[in-house]
């Protein structure tokens, strides 16, 4: 079985619609409102203690990309990354696998790459965000044993 997956990237101010929309799988083509921009997304992970670690976006180092990255960092834009399965014949999105929202918090570059670190948009410790209760209708059957291995 073969899967074709890619990412949709939306970046913009926190108080309005996204300003930039890119995709990284249909080489040289637009997919709907998403223009092509080669980039990599590291994904977001959480440690065993429950704290979020920053996700990373990585781009090729070109002047147009540098301008976009500097604008995103200077204005503290928010990024939404959607990982999708797509149809290789039509480039249409078949299924959304994962969505991540992150604040463009820091960045850097060398001679070949640019990076943006995406921090969590919520700080549960500082903002006193309450924990969420899980219900069976949301997640299915929940194991009630300490003998679960991940």
N, C-alpha and C. Protein backbone atom coordinates (compact mmCIF):
# COMPACT_ATOMS: atom_id res chain seq x y z
N UNK A 1 0.85 -1.18 0.00
CA UNK A 1 0.00 0.00 0.00
C UNK A 1 0.89 1.23 0.00
N UNK A 2 0.54 2.20 -0.79
CA UNK A 2 1.34 3.41 -0.92
C UNK A 2 0.53 4.61 -0.46
N UNK A 3 1.18 5.46 0.32
CA UNK A 3 0.53 6.67 0.83
C UNK A 3 1.27 7.89 0.30
N UNK A 4 0.53 8.90 -0.08
CA UNK A 4 1.11 10.17 -0.47
C UNK A 4 0.66 11.20 0.55
N UNK A 5 1.62 11.72 1.30
CA UNK A 5 1.25 12.71 2.30
C UNK A 5 2.07 13.98 2.11
N UNK A 6 1.53 15.07 2.58
CA UNK A 6 2.19 16.36 2.48
C UNK A 6 1.65 17.27 3.56
N UNK A 7 2.06 18.54 3.49
CA UNK A 7 1.65 19.50 4.51
C UNK A 7 1.06 20.75 3.85
N UNK A 8 0.05 21.28 4.52
CA UNK A 8 -0.49 22.59 4.18
C UNK A 8 -0.06 23.53 5.29
N UNK A 9 0.45 24.70 4.92
CA UNK A 9 0.94 25.67 5.89
C UNK A 9 0.17 26.97 5.72
N UNK A 10 -0.38 27.46 6.82
CA UNK A 10 -1.08 28.75 6.83
C UNK A 10 -0.44 29.60 7.93
N UNK A 11 -0.06 30.82 7.58
CA UNK A 11 0.63 31.71 8.52
C UNK A 11 0.00 33.08 8.46
N UNK A 12 -0.20 33.70 9.63
CA UNK A 12 -0.75 35.04 9.64
C UNK A 12 -0.89 35.59 11.05
N UNK A 13 -1.40 36.82 11.15
CA UNK A 13 -1.59 37.44 12.45
C UNK A 13 -2.62 36.69 13.28
N UNK A 14 -2.54 36.86 14.58
CA UNK A 14 -3.46 36.15 15.47
C UNK A 14 -4.88 36.69 15.41
N UNK A 15 -5.05 37.91 14.98
CA UNK A 15 -6.38 38.53 15.04
C UNK A 15 -7.09 38.62 13.69
N UNK A 16 -6.60 37.95 12.67
CA UNK A 16 -7.25 38.02 11.36
C UNK A 16 -6.99 36.73 10.59
N UNK A 17 -7.41 36.73 9.35
CA UNK A 17 -7.24 35.55 8.51
C UNK A 17 -5.76 35.33 8.20
N UNK A 18 -5.43 34.10 7.83
CA UNK A 18 -4.05 33.78 7.49
C UNK A 18 -3.61 34.57 6.26
N UNK A 19 -2.39 35.08 6.29
CA UNK A 19 -1.86 35.91 5.21
C UNK A 19 -1.17 35.08 4.13
N UNK A 20 -0.48 34.01 4.55
CA UNK A 20 0.26 33.16 3.62
C UNK A 20 -0.30 31.75 3.68
N UNK A 21 -0.39 31.09 2.51
CA UNK A 21 -0.88 29.71 2.41
C UNK A 21 0.01 28.96 1.43
N UNK A 22 0.66 27.89 1.93
CA UNK A 22 1.57 27.11 1.10
C UNK A 22 1.30 25.62 1.28
N UNK A 23 1.72 24.85 0.27
CA UNK A 23 1.71 23.39 0.35
C UNK A 23 3.06 22.91 -0.16
N UNK A 24 3.45 21.70 0.26
CA UNK A 24 4.79 21.24 -0.10
C UNK A 24 4.81 19.94 -0.91
N UNK A 25 3.71 19.61 -1.59
CA UNK A 25 3.70 18.33 -2.29
C UNK A 25 3.42 18.41 -3.79
N UNK A 26 2.73 19.40 -4.28
CA UNK A 26 2.43 19.52 -5.71
C UNK A 26 3.45 20.47 -6.32
N UNK A 27 4.56 19.92 -6.77
CA UNK A 27 5.71 20.67 -7.24
C UNK A 27 5.34 21.68 -8.32
N UNK A 28 5.57 22.95 -8.03
CA UNK A 28 5.35 24.01 -9.00
C UNK A 28 3.89 24.31 -9.32
N UNK A 29 2.95 23.81 -8.53
CA UNK A 29 1.53 24.02 -8.82
C UNK A 29 0.83 24.60 -7.60
N UNK A 30 -0.30 25.24 -7.86
CA UNK A 30 -1.18 25.66 -6.78
C UNK A 30 -2.21 24.57 -6.54
N UNK A 31 -2.52 24.35 -5.29
CA UNK A 31 -3.59 23.42 -4.90
C UNK A 31 -4.62 24.27 -4.18
N UNK A 32 -5.69 24.63 -4.89
CA UNK A 32 -6.67 25.56 -4.32
C UNK A 32 -5.99 26.90 -4.07
N UNK A 33 -6.06 27.37 -2.84
CA UNK A 33 -5.45 28.67 -2.50
C UNK A 33 -4.01 28.52 -2.00
N UNK A 34 -3.48 27.30 -2.01
CA UNK A 34 -2.14 27.03 -1.49
C UNK A 34 -1.13 27.00 -2.63
N UNK A 35 -0.18 27.93 -2.60
CA UNK A 35 0.91 27.93 -3.56
C UNK A 35 1.98 26.95 -3.13
N UNK A 36 2.86 26.58 -4.05
CA UNK A 36 3.92 25.64 -3.73
C UNK A 36 5.09 26.35 -3.06
N UNK A 37 5.57 25.77 -1.97
CA UNK A 37 6.78 26.22 -1.30
C UNK A 37 7.41 24.99 -0.67
N UNK A 38 8.64 24.64 -1.06
CA UNK A 38 9.25 23.47 -0.44
C UNK A 38 9.61 23.77 1.01
N UNK A 39 9.09 22.96 1.93
CA UNK A 39 9.41 23.10 3.34
C UNK A 39 9.25 21.75 4.02
N UNK A 40 9.84 21.66 5.20
CA UNK A 40 9.72 20.46 6.02
C UNK A 40 9.14 20.86 7.36
N UNK A 41 8.38 19.95 7.95
CA UNK A 41 7.76 20.18 9.26
C UNK A 41 8.20 19.06 10.18
N UNK A 42 8.78 19.42 11.31
CA UNK A 42 9.30 18.41 12.23
C UNK A 42 8.22 17.76 13.05
N UNK A 43 7.06 18.37 13.12
CA UNK A 43 6.00 17.84 13.97
C UNK A 43 6.18 18.34 15.38
N UNK A 44 5.22 18.06 16.20
CA UNK A 44 5.27 18.49 17.59
C UNK A 44 5.22 17.26 18.47
N UNK A 45 5.98 17.31 19.53
CA UNK A 45 5.99 16.20 20.45
C UNK A 45 5.77 16.71 21.86
N UNK A 46 5.40 15.83 22.71
CA UNK A 46 5.20 16.17 24.11
C UNK A 46 6.03 15.20 24.94
N UNK A 47 6.65 15.71 25.96
CA UNK A 47 7.47 14.85 26.80
C UNK A 47 6.59 14.04 27.74
N UNK A 48 7.19 13.11 28.45
CA UNK A 48 6.44 12.30 29.41
C UNK A 48 5.92 13.14 30.57
N UNK A 49 6.52 14.30 30.81
CA UNK A 49 6.05 15.18 31.85
C UNK A 49 4.85 16.02 31.40
N UNK A 50 4.52 15.97 30.12
CA UNK A 50 3.35 16.68 29.63
C UNK A 50 3.64 18.03 29.03
N UNK A 51 4.90 18.50 29.05
CA UNK A 51 5.19 19.79 28.46
C UNK A 51 5.43 19.64 26.96
N UNK A 52 5.00 20.65 26.23
CA UNK A 52 5.16 20.61 24.78
C UNK A 52 6.56 21.05 24.39
N UNK A 53 7.13 20.41 23.39
CA UNK A 53 8.38 20.84 22.82
C UNK A 53 8.08 21.52 21.49
N UNK A 54 8.92 22.49 21.15
CA UNK A 54 8.66 23.26 19.94
C UNK A 54 8.72 22.39 18.69
N UNK A 55 7.84 22.70 17.75
CA UNK A 55 7.89 22.12 16.41
C UNK A 55 8.75 23.05 15.56
N UNK A 56 9.19 22.56 14.42
CA UNK A 56 10.07 23.35 13.57
C UNK A 56 9.63 23.28 12.11
N UNK A 57 9.66 24.43 11.46
CA UNK A 57 9.49 24.51 10.01
C UNK A 57 10.86 24.81 9.42
N UNK A 58 11.20 24.13 8.32
CA UNK A 58 12.49 24.34 7.68
C UNK A 58 12.27 24.62 6.21
N UNK A 59 12.95 25.65 5.71
CA UNK A 59 12.82 26.10 4.32
C UNK A 59 14.20 26.19 3.69
N UNK A 60 14.23 26.21 2.35
CA UNK A 60 15.46 26.52 1.65
C UNK A 60 15.76 28.01 1.80
N UNK A 61 17.03 28.37 1.85
CA UNK A 61 17.42 29.75 2.06
C UNK A 61 17.43 30.49 0.74
N UNK A 62 16.40 31.28 0.53
CA UNK A 62 16.28 32.14 -0.65
C UNK A 62 15.74 33.49 -0.18
N UNK A 63 15.95 34.53 -0.96
CA UNK A 63 15.54 35.87 -0.53
C UNK A 63 14.05 35.95 -0.27
N UNK A 64 13.23 35.38 -1.13
CA UNK A 64 11.78 35.46 -0.94
C UNK A 64 11.36 34.72 0.34
N UNK A 65 12.00 33.61 0.64
CA UNK A 65 11.69 32.87 1.86
C UNK A 65 12.16 33.64 3.09
N UNK A 66 13.35 34.25 3.00
CA UNK A 66 13.84 35.05 4.13
C UNK A 66 12.87 36.17 4.46
N UNK A 67 12.34 36.85 3.45
CA UNK A 67 11.38 37.94 3.68
C UNK A 67 10.14 37.42 4.41
N UNK A 68 9.63 36.28 3.99
CA UNK A 68 8.46 35.68 4.62
C UNK A 68 8.76 35.32 6.08
N UNK A 69 9.91 34.69 6.33
CA UNK A 69 10.27 34.26 7.68
C UNK A 69 10.47 35.47 8.60
N UNK A 70 11.16 36.50 8.12
CA UNK A 70 11.37 37.70 8.93
C UNK A 70 10.04 38.36 9.28
N UNK A 71 9.13 38.44 8.33
CA UNK A 71 7.81 39.02 8.60
C UNK A 71 7.05 38.21 9.63
N UNK A 72 7.09 36.89 9.50
CA UNK A 72 6.38 36.03 10.45
C UNK A 72 6.94 36.17 11.86
N UNK A 73 8.26 36.26 11.98
CA UNK A 73 8.88 36.39 13.30
C UNK A 73 8.71 37.79 13.89
N UNK A 74 8.89 38.82 13.06
CA UNK A 74 8.75 40.19 13.56
C UNK A 74 7.35 40.49 14.06
N UNK A 75 6.34 39.87 13.46
CA UNK A 75 4.96 40.14 13.81
C UNK A 75 4.32 39.06 14.68
N UNK A 76 5.12 38.12 15.15
CA UNK A 76 4.63 37.03 16.01
C UNK A 76 3.41 36.34 15.42
N UNK A 77 3.51 35.97 14.14
CA UNK A 77 2.41 35.29 13.46
C UNK A 77 2.17 33.91 14.06
N UNK A 78 0.98 33.40 13.82
CA UNK A 78 0.61 32.04 14.19
C UNK A 78 0.62 31.20 12.93
N UNK A 79 1.10 29.97 13.06
CA UNK A 79 1.13 29.05 11.93
C UNK A 79 0.23 27.85 12.21
N UNK A 80 -0.45 27.42 11.18
CA UNK A 80 -1.26 26.20 11.25
C UNK A 80 -0.70 25.24 10.20
N UNK A 81 -0.29 24.07 10.64
CA UNK A 81 0.23 23.06 9.73
C UNK A 81 -0.73 21.90 9.74
N UNK A 82 -1.17 21.50 8.56
CA UNK A 82 -2.09 20.38 8.41
C UNK A 82 -1.39 19.30 7.61
N UNK A 83 -1.24 18.13 8.20
CA UNK A 83 -0.67 16.98 7.49
C UNK A 83 -1.82 16.24 6.83
N UNK A 84 -1.68 16.01 5.51
CA UNK A 84 -2.79 15.43 4.74
C UNK A 84 -2.32 14.26 3.89
N UNK A 85 -3.25 13.35 3.63
CA UNK A 85 -3.08 12.37 2.56
C UNK A 85 -3.67 13.00 1.31
N UNK A 86 -2.97 12.91 0.18
CA UNK A 86 -3.46 13.54 -1.04
C UNK A 86 -3.43 12.55 -2.19
N UNK A 87 -4.25 12.83 -3.17
CA UNK A 87 -4.38 11.99 -4.35
C UNK A 87 -3.30 12.39 -5.36
N UNK A 88 -2.38 11.48 -5.75
CA UNK A 88 -1.31 11.85 -6.67
C UNK A 88 -1.79 12.19 -8.08
N UNK A 89 -3.02 11.82 -8.43
CA UNK A 89 -3.54 12.14 -9.76
C UNK A 89 -4.15 13.53 -9.82
N UNK A 90 -4.85 13.93 -8.75
CA UNK A 90 -5.56 15.21 -8.77
C UNK A 90 -4.95 16.24 -7.82
N UNK A 91 -4.03 15.82 -6.97
CA UNK A 91 -3.43 16.65 -5.91
C UNK A 91 -4.44 17.09 -4.86
N UNK A 92 -5.65 16.56 -4.91
CA UNK A 92 -6.68 16.91 -3.94
C UNK A 92 -6.43 16.22 -2.61
N UNK A 93 -6.85 16.86 -1.54
CA UNK A 93 -6.70 16.31 -0.19
C UNK A 93 -7.73 15.20 0.00
N UNK A 94 -7.25 14.01 0.38
CA UNK A 94 -8.16 12.90 0.64
C UNK A 94 -8.54 12.81 2.11
N UNK A 95 -7.59 13.11 2.99
CA UNK A 95 -7.87 12.97 4.41
C UNK A 95 -6.90 13.84 5.21
N UNK A 96 -7.42 14.48 6.25
CA UNK A 96 -6.57 15.23 7.17
C UNK A 96 -6.10 14.27 8.25
N UNK A 97 -4.78 14.20 8.44
CA UNK A 97 -4.21 13.29 9.43
C UNK A 97 -3.95 14.01 10.75
N UNK A 98 -3.47 15.25 10.68
CA UNK A 98 -2.98 15.93 11.88
C UNK A 98 -3.00 17.44 11.64
N UNK A 99 -3.35 18.19 12.67
CA UNK A 99 -3.26 19.66 12.60
C UNK A 99 -2.48 20.16 13.80
N UNK A 100 -1.64 21.15 13.57
CA UNK A 100 -0.85 21.73 14.65
C UNK A 100 -0.89 23.25 14.51
N UNK A 101 -1.14 23.93 15.62
CA UNK A 101 -1.07 25.38 15.67
C UNK A 101 0.13 25.76 16.52
N UNK A 102 0.93 26.71 16.05
CA UNK A 102 2.08 27.15 16.83
C UNK A 102 2.35 28.62 16.59
N UNK A 103 2.93 29.26 17.58
CA UNK A 103 3.33 30.66 17.47
C UNK A 103 4.75 30.72 16.92
N UNK A 104 4.98 31.57 15.92
CA UNK A 104 6.32 31.74 15.35
C UNK A 104 7.17 32.46 16.40
N UNK A 105 7.97 31.69 17.13
CA UNK A 105 8.65 32.24 18.30
C UNK A 105 10.11 32.59 18.07
N UNK A 106 10.81 31.85 17.24
CA UNK A 106 12.21 32.16 16.97
C UNK A 106 12.60 31.55 15.65
N UNK A 107 13.75 31.96 15.15
CA UNK A 107 14.19 31.44 13.87
C UNK A 107 15.67 31.67 13.67
N UNK A 108 16.17 31.13 12.61
CA UNK A 108 17.57 31.31 12.27
C UNK A 108 17.84 30.75 10.89
N UNK A 109 19.05 31.00 10.40
CA UNK A 109 19.40 30.46 9.10
C UNK A 109 20.90 30.27 8.99
N UNK A 110 21.26 29.43 8.04
CA UNK A 110 22.66 29.29 7.63
C UNK A 110 22.68 29.45 6.12
N UNK A 111 23.75 29.05 5.47
CA UNK A 111 23.87 29.30 4.02
C UNK A 111 22.86 28.53 3.17
N UNK A 112 22.26 27.45 3.71
CA UNK A 112 21.35 26.67 2.87
C UNK A 112 19.93 26.55 3.41
N UNK A 113 19.70 26.76 4.70
CA UNK A 113 18.36 26.55 5.26
C UNK A 113 17.93 27.68 6.18
N UNK A 114 16.62 27.81 6.30
CA UNK A 114 15.97 28.71 7.26
C UNK A 114 15.11 27.87 8.17
N UNK A 115 15.01 28.27 9.44
CA UNK A 115 14.16 27.54 10.37
C UNK A 115 13.31 28.51 11.18
N UNK A 116 12.09 28.08 11.45
CA UNK A 116 11.21 28.79 12.38
C UNK A 116 10.81 27.79 13.46
N UNK A 117 10.99 28.18 14.71
CA UNK A 117 10.50 27.37 15.82
C UNK A 117 9.09 27.80 16.14
N UNK A 118 8.22 26.83 16.32
CA UNK A 118 6.82 27.10 16.63
C UNK A 118 6.55 26.68 18.06
N UNK A 119 6.31 27.65 18.91
CA UNK A 119 5.98 27.36 20.30
C UNK A 119 4.49 27.14 20.45
N UNK A 120 4.11 26.58 21.56
CA UNK A 120 2.70 26.33 21.83
C UNK A 120 1.94 27.64 21.89
N UNK A 121 0.74 27.68 21.33
CA UNK A 121 -0.07 28.89 21.38
C UNK A 121 -0.75 29.05 22.73
N UNK A 122 -0.79 28.00 23.51
CA UNK A 122 -1.36 28.06 24.86
C UNK A 122 -0.28 27.72 25.87
N UNK A 123 -0.24 28.45 26.93
CA UNK A 123 0.63 28.13 28.04
C UNK A 123 -0.27 27.78 29.21
N UNK A 124 -0.50 26.50 29.42
CA UNK A 124 -1.47 26.06 30.41
C UNK A 124 -1.05 26.45 31.83
N UNK A 125 0.23 26.59 32.09
CA UNK A 125 0.69 26.94 33.43
C UNK A 125 0.38 28.40 33.72
N UNK A 126 0.74 29.29 32.79
CA UNK A 126 0.53 30.72 33.00
C UNK A 126 -0.92 31.14 32.84
N UNK A 127 -1.63 30.51 31.91
CA UNK A 127 -3.00 30.94 31.62
C UNK A 127 -4.04 30.20 32.45
N UNK A 128 -3.60 29.26 33.26
CA UNK A 128 -4.52 28.47 34.07
C UNK A 128 -5.62 27.81 33.24
N UNK A 129 -5.21 27.21 32.15
CA UNK A 129 -6.16 26.51 31.29
C UNK A 129 -6.52 25.20 31.96
N UNK A 130 -7.80 24.93 32.17
CA UNK A 130 -8.18 23.69 32.85
C UNK A 130 -7.92 22.46 31.98
N UNK A 131 -7.65 21.34 32.65
CA UNK A 131 -7.48 20.09 31.93
C UNK A 131 -8.79 19.68 31.28
N UNK A 132 -8.70 18.88 30.24
CA UNK A 132 -9.89 18.43 29.54
C UNK A 132 -10.24 17.02 29.97
N UNK A 133 -11.52 16.78 30.17
CA UNK A 133 -11.99 15.44 30.50
C UNK A 133 -12.20 14.66 29.21
N UNK A 134 -11.81 13.41 29.24
CA UNK A 134 -12.00 12.54 28.08
C UNK A 134 -13.25 11.71 28.31
N UNK A 135 -14.09 11.67 27.29
CA UNK A 135 -15.32 10.89 27.34
C UNK A 135 -15.27 9.83 26.26
N UNK A 136 -15.96 8.72 26.49
CA UNK A 136 -15.96 7.62 25.55
C UNK A 136 -16.40 8.05 24.15
N UNK A 137 -17.38 8.95 24.06
CA UNK A 137 -17.85 9.37 22.73
C UNK A 137 -16.78 10.16 21.96
N UNK A 138 -15.78 10.72 22.67
CA UNK A 138 -14.71 11.45 22.01
C UNK A 138 -13.58 10.54 21.55
N UNK A 139 -13.21 9.56 22.38
CA UNK A 139 -12.02 8.77 22.12
C UNK A 139 -12.24 7.26 22.05
N UNK A 140 -13.45 6.81 22.25
CA UNK A 140 -13.72 5.38 22.24
C UNK A 140 -13.48 4.78 23.62
N UNK A 141 -13.31 3.47 23.67
CA UNK A 141 -13.09 2.81 24.95
C UNK A 141 -11.75 3.22 25.54
N UNK A 142 -11.77 3.55 26.82
CA UNK A 142 -10.58 3.99 27.52
C UNK A 142 -10.14 2.86 28.44
N UNK A 143 -8.86 2.44 28.36
CA UNK A 143 -8.40 1.38 29.25
C UNK A 143 -8.31 1.90 30.68
N UNK A 144 -8.76 1.11 31.62
CA UNK A 144 -8.70 1.47 33.03
C UNK A 144 -7.77 0.53 33.78
N UNK A 145 -6.53 0.46 33.34
CA UNK A 145 -5.54 -0.40 33.97
C UNK A 145 -4.17 0.28 33.91
N UNK A 146 -3.31 -0.07 34.81
CA UNK A 146 -1.95 0.46 34.80
C UNK A 146 -1.04 -0.39 33.93
N UNK A 147 -1.56 -1.44 33.33
CA UNK A 147 -0.75 -2.35 32.54
C UNK A 147 -0.82 -2.03 31.05
N UNK A 148 -0.79 -0.73 30.71
CA UNK A 148 -0.82 -0.30 29.31
C UNK A 148 0.58 0.10 28.90
N UNK A 149 1.10 -0.46 27.84
CA UNK A 149 2.42 -0.11 27.32
C UNK A 149 2.26 0.71 26.06
N UNK A 150 3.05 1.75 25.95
CA UNK A 150 3.00 2.62 24.77
C UNK A 150 4.23 2.40 23.94
